[in-house]
Amino acid sequence: MVYQELFISLNKVASGIQGLLNDLIANFNLDKSTMELPLTPKQVNSITDIYSIESSIKSCISSLKKILLPLVSDNKTETNIDEPSPSINAADFNSTLYYIRSLINEKGDRVEELKRMSGETLLDEVLVKVHSDIENAKKRVDKREIQLLDSILIRVFNDRVISEKFNVYERGAYVTNRNINRLMNIRTVEQVLYMDTPMAIGLQNPELPYWRNLNETLKIANNSFVSDTPIEQILSNDILRGNVSFDEKVLDRFTYKRADGLEINLLECATGSKSFAALQLLLKNGFFNNKTLLMIDEPEAHLHPQWIVEFARMIVLLNKELGVKFFIASHSPDMISALKYISEKEGITPKLNFYLAEKKNPTDFTYTYRALGTNIDDIYASFNIAFDKIDLYGTVDDEVL
């Protein structure tokens, strides 16, 4: 969370410095080959990526100095925003220094001090600010303050109260320990993927961030995958009757190759097929392991009843064989029954827990989730409301029959 926030901030600086450098090169017809124009990573996954951005900024600033300093007065340390050298357009120079100051984004008493700084000193100030932000971020990571999570909960749910009610436990131990104002490390989960609809798979430049994350995760290549595992054989031979892969070099798309040789853009396949394709891709690229949590919203939504059972079977087998953890929301009697009884047959019932959402008050929108263990009777009682509705809207009097 900290590094993603820092990435956004640093990337603005890096993009601004690099854009400014490009403008000056173009305006003064300078030899671009002599200038360093490094690219910054598109996303950040570690402190290494953060240092890569810092290195890019340093390189660009070094190149900027090569351009700017010869263009201003010989007395570089005395160069002032109000006294540019005649060798550079006054308006351009004012704009350049103003822009560099904006990248530092200082407030308060330092504004006047920054106004008096030369171009060279201002560029050094950018580096100081960048390094300071990185060091502060490292301290925030070490502190693991719980406000980091609260700020995201407030932003996502638009509710300041929820952070006071929200606590996470792992096997009885606090993850959100408010007594010491600290987020503890999670030991049993290292990677999480959320899929609310398989229709997102294969979309070009999807708007939602978790759709982008889903597609990027599915694209991961793994050349060491062994294709004769029982789960993969079931997916390939019995369900999909083919293989799905990501063609990065030629088509830049997910491709479904059927057993008879027909190749189809996965984006044009049935949505139910995409559901199983996602499982196959994640299995093949090594994403699935005992530290993986896969969250799926209504996996049954696009599936024929028989494929609902097959999907439940895949969930059970992936948990049994690889230890993959699942968090699933479902409204399907077939899904609930299949998960319960296939889990019993495969001997993983101790790992299975059902929860029932119940309204606290009929007039509001607040729910509690009651833990049921593996007893699904109350879940079926809630499903029976559908039959009551059919009786209400669809039956006719016995006399007429």
Protein backbone atom coordinates (compact mmCIF):
# COMPACT_ATOMS: atom_id res chain seq x y z
CA MET A 1 0.00 0.00 0.00
CA VAL A 2 2.80 2.40 0.88
CA TYR A 3 4.87 1.68 -2.21
CA GLN A 4 1.89 1.95 -4.54
CA GLU A 5 1.10 5.38 -3.09
CA LEU A 6 4.75 6.40 -3.38
CA PHE A 7 4.89 5.04 -6.93
CA ILE A 8 2.09 7.37 -8.04
CA SER A 9 3.87 10.36 -6.50
CA LEU A 10 7.32 9.53 -7.88
CA ASN A 11 6.00 8.62 -11.29
CA LYS A 12 4.51 12.11 -11.63
CA VAL A 13 7.92 13.57 -10.90
CA ALA A 14 9.68 11.15 -13.25
CA SER A 15 7.18 11.78 -16.06
CA GLY A 16 7.39 15.54 -15.53
CA ILE A 17 11.19 15.65 -15.57
CA GLN A 18 11.37 13.38 -18.60
CA GLY A 19 8.71 15.43 -20.42
CA LEU A 20 10.57 18.64 -19.64
CA LEU A 21 13.79 17.11 -20.90
CA ASN A 22 12.13 16.05 -24.16
CA ASP A 23 10.71 19.55 -24.65
CA LEU A 24 14.10 21.21 -24.18
CA ILE A 25 15.77 18.74 -26.54
CA ALA A 26 13.17 19.52 -29.19
CA ASN A 27 13.19 23.30 -28.66
CA PHE A 28 16.97 23.63 -28.89
CA ASN A 29 17.51 20.93 -31.55
CA LEU A 30 19.88 19.04 -29.26
CA ASP A 31 21.35 15.63 -29.98
CA LYS A 32 19.03 13.23 -28.20
CA SER A 33 21.56 10.41 -28.40
CA THR A 34 23.78 12.19 -25.86
CA MET A 35 20.97 12.43 -23.32
CA GLU A 36 19.77 9.74 -20.97
CA LEU A 37 16.04 9.12 -21.35
CA PRO A 38 15.35 6.13 -19.08
CA LEU A 39 11.88 4.66 -18.75
CA THR A 40 10.18 4.10 -15.40
CA PRO A 41 8.34 0.86 -14.55
CA LYS A 42 4.59 0.77 -15.27
CA GLN A 43 3.83 -0.56 -11.82
CA VAL A 44 5.62 -1.17 -8.58
CA ASN A 45 5.95 -4.50 -6.82
CA SER A 46 8.86 -3.88 -4.49
CA ILE A 47 11.33 -1.32 -3.17
CA THR A 48 13.56 -2.31 -6.09
CA ASP A 49 11.06 -0.75 -8.50
CA ILE A 50 11.01 2.40 -6.35
CA TYR A 51 14.79 2.67 -6.57
CA SER A 52 14.49 2.18 -10.33
CA ILE A 53 12.27 5.26 -10.53
CA GLU A 54 14.73 7.23 -8.38
CA SER A 55 17.53 6.18 -10.72
CA SER A 56 15.49 7.33 -13.72
CA ILE A 57 14.88 10.70 -12.13
CA LYS A 58 18.60 11.09 -11.34
CA SER A 59 19.53 10.27 -14.93
CA CYS A 60 17.01 12.71 -16.38
CA ILE A 61 18.10 15.48 -14.01
CA SER A 62 21.71 14.89 -14.97
CA SER A 63 20.73 15.34 -18.61
CA LEU A 64 18.64 18.40 -17.77
CA LYS A 65 21.66 20.04 -16.17
CA LYS A 66 23.68 19.44 -19.32
CA ILE A 67 21.06 21.40 -21.24
CA LEU A 68 20.03 24.11 -18.83
CA LEU A 69 23.31 25.22 -17.31
CA PRO A 70 25.07 26.25 -20.54
CA LEU A 71 21.95 28.21 -21.49
CA VAL A 72 21.91 30.44 -18.44
CA SER A 73 24.45 32.98 -17.15
CA ASP A 74 28.01 31.94 -16.44
CA ASN A 75 27.49 32.64 -12.76
CA LYS A 76 25.23 29.63 -12.35
CA THR A 77 24.85 29.85 -8.60
CA GLU A 78 23.54 33.40 -8.97
CA THR A 79 21.00 32.55 -11.65
CA ASN A 80 17.59 33.82 -10.61
CA ILE A 81 14.16 33.21 -12.06
CA ASP A 82 13.84 36.93 -12.72
CA GLU A 83 17.26 37.22 -14.41
CA PRO A 84 17.59 34.54 -17.09
CA SER A 85 20.45 34.62 -19.54
CA PRO A 86 19.76 36.18 -22.94
CA SER A 87 20.79 32.86 -24.47
CA ILE A 88 17.49 31.33 -23.45
CA ASN A 89 14.04 32.81 -23.87
CA ALA A 90 13.02 34.49 -20.61
CA ALA A 91 9.49 33.11 -20.64
CA ASP A 92 10.74 29.60 -21.35
CA PHE A 93 13.25 29.80 -18.54
CA ASN A 94 10.69 31.15 -16.06
CA SER A 95 8.32 28.37 -17.03
CA THR A 96 11.02 25.73 -16.64
CA LEU A 97 11.98 26.83 -13.13
CA TYR A 98 8.36 27.20 -12.10
CA TYR A 99 7.66 23.68 -13.28
CA ILE A 100 10.64 22.24 -11.42
CA ARG A 101 9.45 23.97 -8.25
CA SER A 102 6.00 22.46 -8.71
CA LEU A 103 7.54 18.98 -8.74
CA ILE A 104 8.97 19.63 -5.28
CA ASN A 105 5.46 20.63 -4.17
CA GLU A 106 6.62 22.34 -0.97
CA LYS A 107 4.24 24.46 1.08
CA GLY A 108 4.65 27.16 3.72
CA ASP A 109 7.79 29.20 4.40
CA ARG A 110 9.93 27.38 1.83
CA VAL A 111 8.04 28.81 -1.15
CA GLU A 112 9.94 32.10 -1.11
CA GLU A 113 13.23 30.25 -0.63
CA LEU A 114 12.49 28.03 -3.63
CA LYS A 115 11.68 31.08 -5.76
CA ARG A 116 15.20 32.40 -5.21
CA MET A 117 16.94 29.16 -6.14
CA SER A 118 18.77 28.67 -9.42
CA GLY A 119 17.84 25.96 -11.88
CA GLU A 120 20.74 23.79 -10.80
CA THR A 121 19.87 24.07 -7.11
CA LEU A 122 16.21 23.44 -7.79
CA LEU A 123 17.07 20.24 -9.63
CA ASP A 124 19.15 19.12 -6.65
CA GLU A 125 16.16 19.90 -4.44
CA VAL A 126 14.04 17.52 -6.52
CA LEU A 127 16.51 14.72 -5.84
CA VAL A 128 16.54 15.53 -2.11
CA LYS A 129 12.73 15.47 -2.04
CA VAL A 130 12.55 12.17 -3.93
CA HIS A 131 15.10 10.51 -1.65
CA SER A 132 13.33 11.88 1.43
CA ASP A 133 9.97 10.51 0.25
CA ILE A 134 11.51 7.08 -0.31
CA GLU A 135 13.13 7.00 3.15
CA ASN A 136 9.86 8.11 4.77
CA ALA A 137 8.01 5.38 2.89
CA LYS A 138 10.46 2.74 4.15
CA LYS A 139 9.80 3.94 7.71
CA ARG A 140 6.04 3.71 7.15
CA VAL A 141 6.43 0.16 5.88
CA ASP A 142 8.41 -0.76 8.99
CA LYS A 143 5.83 0.83 11.30
CA ARG A 144 2.88 -0.90 9.53
CA GLU A 145 0.45 1.60 11.03
CA ILE A 146 -3.16 0.52 10.98
CA GLN A 147 -4.24 3.89 9.52
CA LEU A 148 -2.95 2.62 6.16
CA LEU A 149 -5.70 0.03 6.01
CA ASP A 150 -8.30 2.37 7.49
CA SER A 151 -7.65 5.00 4.82
CA ILE A 152 -8.25 2.43 2.09
CA LEU A 153 -11.42 1.13 3.75
CA ILE A 154 -12.74 4.69 3.99
CA ARG A 155 -11.90 5.35 0.33
CA VAL A 156 -13.33 2.09 -1.00
CA PHE A 157 -16.49 1.94 1.11
CA ASN A 158 -16.95 5.71 1.55
CA ASP A 159 -17.62 5.09 5.23
CA ARG A 160 -15.51 6.35 8.14
CA VAL A 161 -17.35 4.15 10.63
CA ILE A 162 -16.39 0.87 9.00
CA SER A 163 -12.77 1.09 10.12
CA GLU A 164 -13.93 1.04 13.74
CA LYS A 165 -15.85 -2.19 13.14
CA PHE A 166 -13.33 -3.90 10.90
CA ASN A 167 -10.95 -6.43 12.41
CA VAL A 168 -9.06 -9.26 10.77
CA TYR A 169 -7.88 -12.38 12.54
CA GLU A 170 -5.72 -15.22 11.35
CA ARG A 171 -6.24 -18.46 13.25
CA GLY A 172 -7.35 -16.48 16.27
CA ALA A 173 -4.46 -13.99 16.19
CA TYR A 174 -4.93 -10.30 15.36
CA VAL A 175 -3.94 -9.06 11.92
CA THR A 176 -5.43 -5.63 12.61
CA ASN A 177 -4.15 -5.08 16.13
CA ARG A 178 -5.65 -1.77 17.25
CA ASN A 179 -4.20 -2.13 20.73
CA ILE A 180 -0.72 -1.42 19.34
CA ASN A 181 -1.90 0.50 16.24
CA ARG A 182 -0.20 -1.96 13.90
CA LEU A 183 -1.00 -4.25 10.98
CA MET A 184 0.55 -7.61 11.70
CA ASN A 185 1.97 -9.84 8.97
CA ILE A 186 -0.36 -12.38 7.41
CA ARG A 187 1.31 -15.80 7.43
CA THR A 188 -1.08 -18.02 5.47
CA VAL A 189 -1.74 -15.79 2.43
CA GLU A 190 0.83 -14.12 0.18
CA GLN A 191 -1.14 -13.43 -3.00
CA VAL A 192 -4.78 -12.65 -3.62
CA LEU A 193 -6.82 -12.46 -6.82
CA TYR A 194 -10.40 -11.23 -7.11
CA MET A 195 -12.72 -12.21 -9.96
CA ASP A 196 -16.22 -10.75 -10.00
CA THR A 197 -16.95 -11.78 -13.59
CA PRO A 198 -15.10 -13.86 -16.19
CA MET A 199 -16.34 -11.38 -18.81
CA ALA A 200 -13.37 -9.19 -17.82
CA ILE A 201 -10.86 -11.74 -19.13
CA GLY A 202 -9.22 -10.62 -22.37
CA LEU A 203 -10.51 -7.05 -22.31
CA GLN A 204 -8.03 -4.53 -23.68
CA ASN A 205 -7.18 -1.80 -21.15
CA PRO A 206 -10.04 -2.53 -18.72
CA GLU A 207 -10.98 0.43 -16.55
CA LEU A 208 -11.36 -1.30 -13.19
CA PRO A 209 -8.03 -1.85 -11.42
CA TYR A 210 -8.90 -5.37 -10.26
CA TRP A 211 -9.85 -6.31 -13.83
CA ARG A 212 -6.42 -5.11 -14.96
CA ASN A 213 -4.83 -7.09 -12.15
CA LEU A 214 -6.79 -10.19 -13.15
CA ASN A 215 -5.66 -9.97 -16.77
CA GLU A 216 -2.03 -9.23 -15.89
CA THR A 217 -1.96 -12.21 -13.52
CA LEU A 218 -3.45 -14.52 -16.16
CA LYS A 219 -0.77 -13.40 -18.65
CA ILE A 220 2.14 -14.56 -16.49
CA ALA A 221 4.25 -17.10 -18.37
CA ASN A 222 5.65 -20.26 -16.79
CA ASN A 223 7.79 -22.47 -19.01
CA SER A 224 8.36 -25.06 -16.29
CA PHE A 225 4.71 -26.13 -16.01
CA VAL A 226 4.08 -29.89 -16.11
CA SER A 227 0.87 -30.55 -18.03
CA ASP A 228 0.12 -34.09 -16.91
CA THR A 229 -1.19 -33.24 -13.43
CA PRO A 230 -4.64 -34.76 -12.70
CA ILE A 231 -6.34 -31.39 -12.22
CA GLU A 232 -4.95 -29.98 -15.47
CA GLN A 233 -5.96 -33.13 -17.33
CA ILE A 234 -9.54 -32.78 -16.06
CA LEU A 235 -9.65 -29.12 -17.12
CA SER A 236 -8.08 -29.73 -20.54
CA ASN A 237 -9.61 -33.05 -21.54
CA ASP A 238 -12.96 -33.28 -19.74
CA ILE A 239 -14.11 -29.67 -19.39
CA LEU A 240 -12.48 -27.24 -21.82
CA ARG A 241 -11.48 -29.94 -24.32
CA GLY A 242 -8.60 -27.74 -25.31
CA ASN A 243 -6.04 -25.31 -23.97
CA VAL A 244 -5.98 -21.59 -23.31
CA SER A 245 -2.79 -19.54 -23.56
CA PHE A 246 -1.72 -15.94 -23.90
CA ASP A 247 -0.16 -15.06 -27.26
CA GLU A 248 2.08 -12.12 -26.43
CA LYS A 249 4.32 -12.05 -29.50
CA VAL A 250 1.82 -12.20 -32.38
CA LEU A 251 -1.79 -11.58 -31.41
CA ASP A 252 -1.50 -10.07 -27.92
CA ARG A 253 -4.59 -11.92 -26.76
CA PHE A 254 -5.80 -14.99 -24.90
CA THR A 255 -6.35 -17.83 -27.37
CA TYR A 256 -8.44 -20.96 -26.91
CA LYS A 257 -7.17 -23.87 -29.00
CA ARG A 258 -9.77 -26.63 -29.19
CA ALA A 259 -8.82 -30.30 -29.31
CA ASP A 260 -9.72 -30.46 -33.04
CA GLY A 261 -7.25 -27.64 -33.83
CA LEU A 262 -9.68 -24.71 -34.06
CA GLU A 263 -8.24 -21.53 -32.51
CA ILE A 264 -10.55 -18.85 -31.12
CA ASN A 265 -10.00 -15.52 -29.41
CA LEU A 266 -10.99 -16.24 -25.80
CA LEU A 267 -12.75 -12.87 -25.69
CA GLU A 268 -15.28 -14.29 -28.18
CA CYS A 269 -15.86 -17.55 -26.27
CA ALA A 270 -18.79 -18.30 -24.00
CA THR A 271 -18.51 -16.66 -20.60
CA GLY A 272 -18.75 -20.03 -18.85
CA SER A 273 -15.72 -21.23 -20.81
CA LYS A 274 -13.79 -18.20 -19.59
CA SER A 275 -14.50 -19.23 -16.00
CA PHE A 276 -12.70 -22.53 -16.48
CA ALA A 277 -10.07 -20.89 -18.71
CA ALA A 278 -9.10 -18.64 -15.79
CA LEU A 279 -8.52 -21.68 -13.58
CA GLN A 280 -6.46 -23.37 -16.28
CA LEU A 281 -4.28 -20.30 -16.87
CA LEU A 282 -3.67 -19.78 -13.15
CA LEU A 283 -2.79 -23.43 -12.75
CA LYS A 284 -0.40 -23.38 -15.72
CA ASN A 285 1.40 -20.18 -14.73
CA GLY A 286 2.09 -21.36 -11.19
CA PHE A 287 -0.10 -18.80 -9.41
CA PHE A 288 -1.87 -21.52 -7.43
CA ASN A 289 -0.16 -22.67 -4.24
CA ASN A 290 -0.90 -22.97 -0.53
CA LYS A 291 -0.33 -19.22 0.00
CA THR A 292 -2.89 -18.21 -2.67
CA LEU A 293 -6.37 -16.82 -1.94
CA LEU A 294 -8.80 -16.70 -4.88
CA MET A 295 -11.96 -14.65 -4.30
CA ILE A 296 -14.83 -15.31 -6.71
CA ASP A 297 -18.19 -13.57 -6.74
CA GLU A 298 -21.00 -15.91 -7.84
CA PRO A 299 -18.95 -18.38 -9.92
CA GLU A 300 -22.21 -20.06 -10.95
CA ALA A 301 -23.57 -16.95 -12.67
CA HIS A 302 -22.65 -17.99 -16.23
CA LEU A 303 -22.70 -21.77 -15.88
CA HIS A 304 -25.09 -24.56 -16.84
CA PRO A 305 -26.12 -26.59 -13.75
CA GLN A 306 -23.80 -29.49 -14.66
CA TRP A 307 -20.85 -27.10 -15.06
CA ILE A 308 -21.64 -25.53 -11.70
CA VAL A 309 -20.94 -28.93 -10.19
CA GLU A 310 -17.74 -29.26 -12.23
CA PHE A 311 -16.57 -25.83 -11.10
CA ALA A 312 -17.22 -26.77 -7.47
CA ARG A 313 -15.22 -29.95 -8.06
CA MET A 314 -12.27 -27.88 -9.35
CA ILE A 315 -12.40 -25.69 -6.25
CA VAL A 316 -12.33 -28.72 -3.97
CA LEU A 317 -9.49 -30.41 -5.89
CA LEU A 318 -7.38 -27.26 -6.05
CA ASN A 319 -7.71 -26.91 -2.30
CA LYS A 320 -7.00 -30.57 -1.65
CA GLU A 321 -4.04 -30.99 -4.00
CA LEU A 322 -2.41 -27.53 -3.92
CA GLY A 323 -3.79 -25.91 -0.77
CA VAL A 324 -5.39 -23.01 -2.66
CA LYS A 325 -7.76 -21.01 -0.46
CA PHE A 326 -11.11 -19.81 -1.80
CA PHE A 327 -13.55 -17.15 -0.65
CA ILE A 328 -16.78 -17.47 -2.59
CA ALA A 329 -20.15 -15.70 -2.62
CA SER A 330 -22.95 -17.84 -4.04
CA HIS A 331 -26.72 -17.90 -4.45
CA SER A 332 -26.82 -21.33 -6.07
CA PRO A 333 -28.23 -24.44 -4.36
CA ASP A 334 -26.21 -26.54 -6.83
CA MET A 335 -22.94 -24.79 -5.91
CA ILE A 336 -23.58 -25.05 -2.17
CA SER A 337 -24.52 -28.74 -2.37
CA ALA A 338 -21.62 -29.61 -4.66
CA LEU A 339 -19.07 -27.90 -2.41
CA LYS A 340 -20.41 -29.68 0.67
CA TYR A 341 -20.72 -33.21 -0.67
CA ILE A 342 -17.64 -33.25 -2.93
CA SER A 343 -15.62 -31.90 0.01
CA GLU A 344 -16.93 -34.77 2.13
CA LYS A 345 -15.90 -37.34 -0.47
CA GLU A 346 -12.44 -35.79 -0.93
CA GLY A 347 -11.88 -35.57 2.83
CA ILE A 348 -11.44 -31.80 3.17
CA THR A 349 -14.59 -31.04 5.19
CA PRO A 350 -12.53 -29.66 8.13
CA LYS A 351 -11.34 -26.88 5.78
CA LEU A 352 -14.86 -25.96 4.66
CA ASN A 353 -16.98 -23.23 6.27
CA PHE A 354 -20.32 -21.77 5.20
CA TYR A 355 -21.65 -18.37 6.27
CA LEU A 356 -25.18 -17.05 5.89
CA ALA A 357 -25.88 -13.35 5.33
CA GLU A 358 -28.80 -12.20 7.47
CA LYS A 359 -30.43 -8.79 7.73
CA LYS A 360 -30.14 -7.28 11.18
CA ASN A 361 -33.26 -5.20 10.58
CA PRO A 362 -35.79 -5.53 7.72
CA THR A 363 -35.82 -1.77 7.25
CA ASP A 364 -32.09 -1.15 6.83
CA PHE A 365 -29.24 -2.51 4.72
CA THR A 366 -27.05 -3.95 7.47
CA TYR A 367 -26.16 -7.63 7.40
CA THR A 368 -24.43 -10.01 9.74
CA TYR A 369 -22.73 -13.20 8.58
CA ARG A 370 -23.54 -16.21 10.73
CA ALA A 371 -21.01 -19.04 10.77
CA LEU A 372 -22.64 -22.39 9.99
CA GLY A 373 -19.65 -24.70 9.76
CA THR A 374 -20.68 -27.35 7.24
CA ASN A 375 -24.38 -27.35 8.11
CA ILE A 376 -26.24 -25.94 5.11
CA ASP A 377 -29.84 -26.44 6.32
CA ASP A 378 -30.34 -22.73 7.07
CA ILE A 379 -28.91 -21.82 3.67
CA TYR A 380 -31.50 -24.01 1.97
CA ALA A 381 -34.21 -22.47 4.11
CA SER A 382 -33.23 -19.08 2.64
CA PHE A 383 -33.27 -20.54 -0.89
CA ASN A 384 -36.81 -21.83 -0.31
CA ILE A 385 -38.03 -18.25 -0.42
CA ALA A 386 -37.90 -18.65 -4.21
CA PHE A 387 -40.50 -21.45 -4.06
CA ASP A 388 -42.70 -19.28 -1.88
CA LYS A 389 -42.53 -16.59 -4.56
CA ILE A 390 -43.46 -19.12 -7.26
CA ASP A 391 -46.47 -20.18 -5.19
CA LEU A 392 -47.41 -16.55 -4.73
CA TYR A 393 -47.15 -15.54 -8.38
CA GLY A 394 -47.71 -18.74 -10.32
CA THR A 395 -50.16 -21.25 -8.73
CA VAL A 396 -53.81 -21.61 -9.71
CA ASP A 397 -56.75 -22.84 -7.70
CA ASP A 398 -57.18 -26.60 -7.41
CA GLU A 399 -60.77 -26.26 -8.54
CA VAL A 400 -59.66 -24.91 -11.91
CA LEU A 401 -57.19 -27.74 -12.37
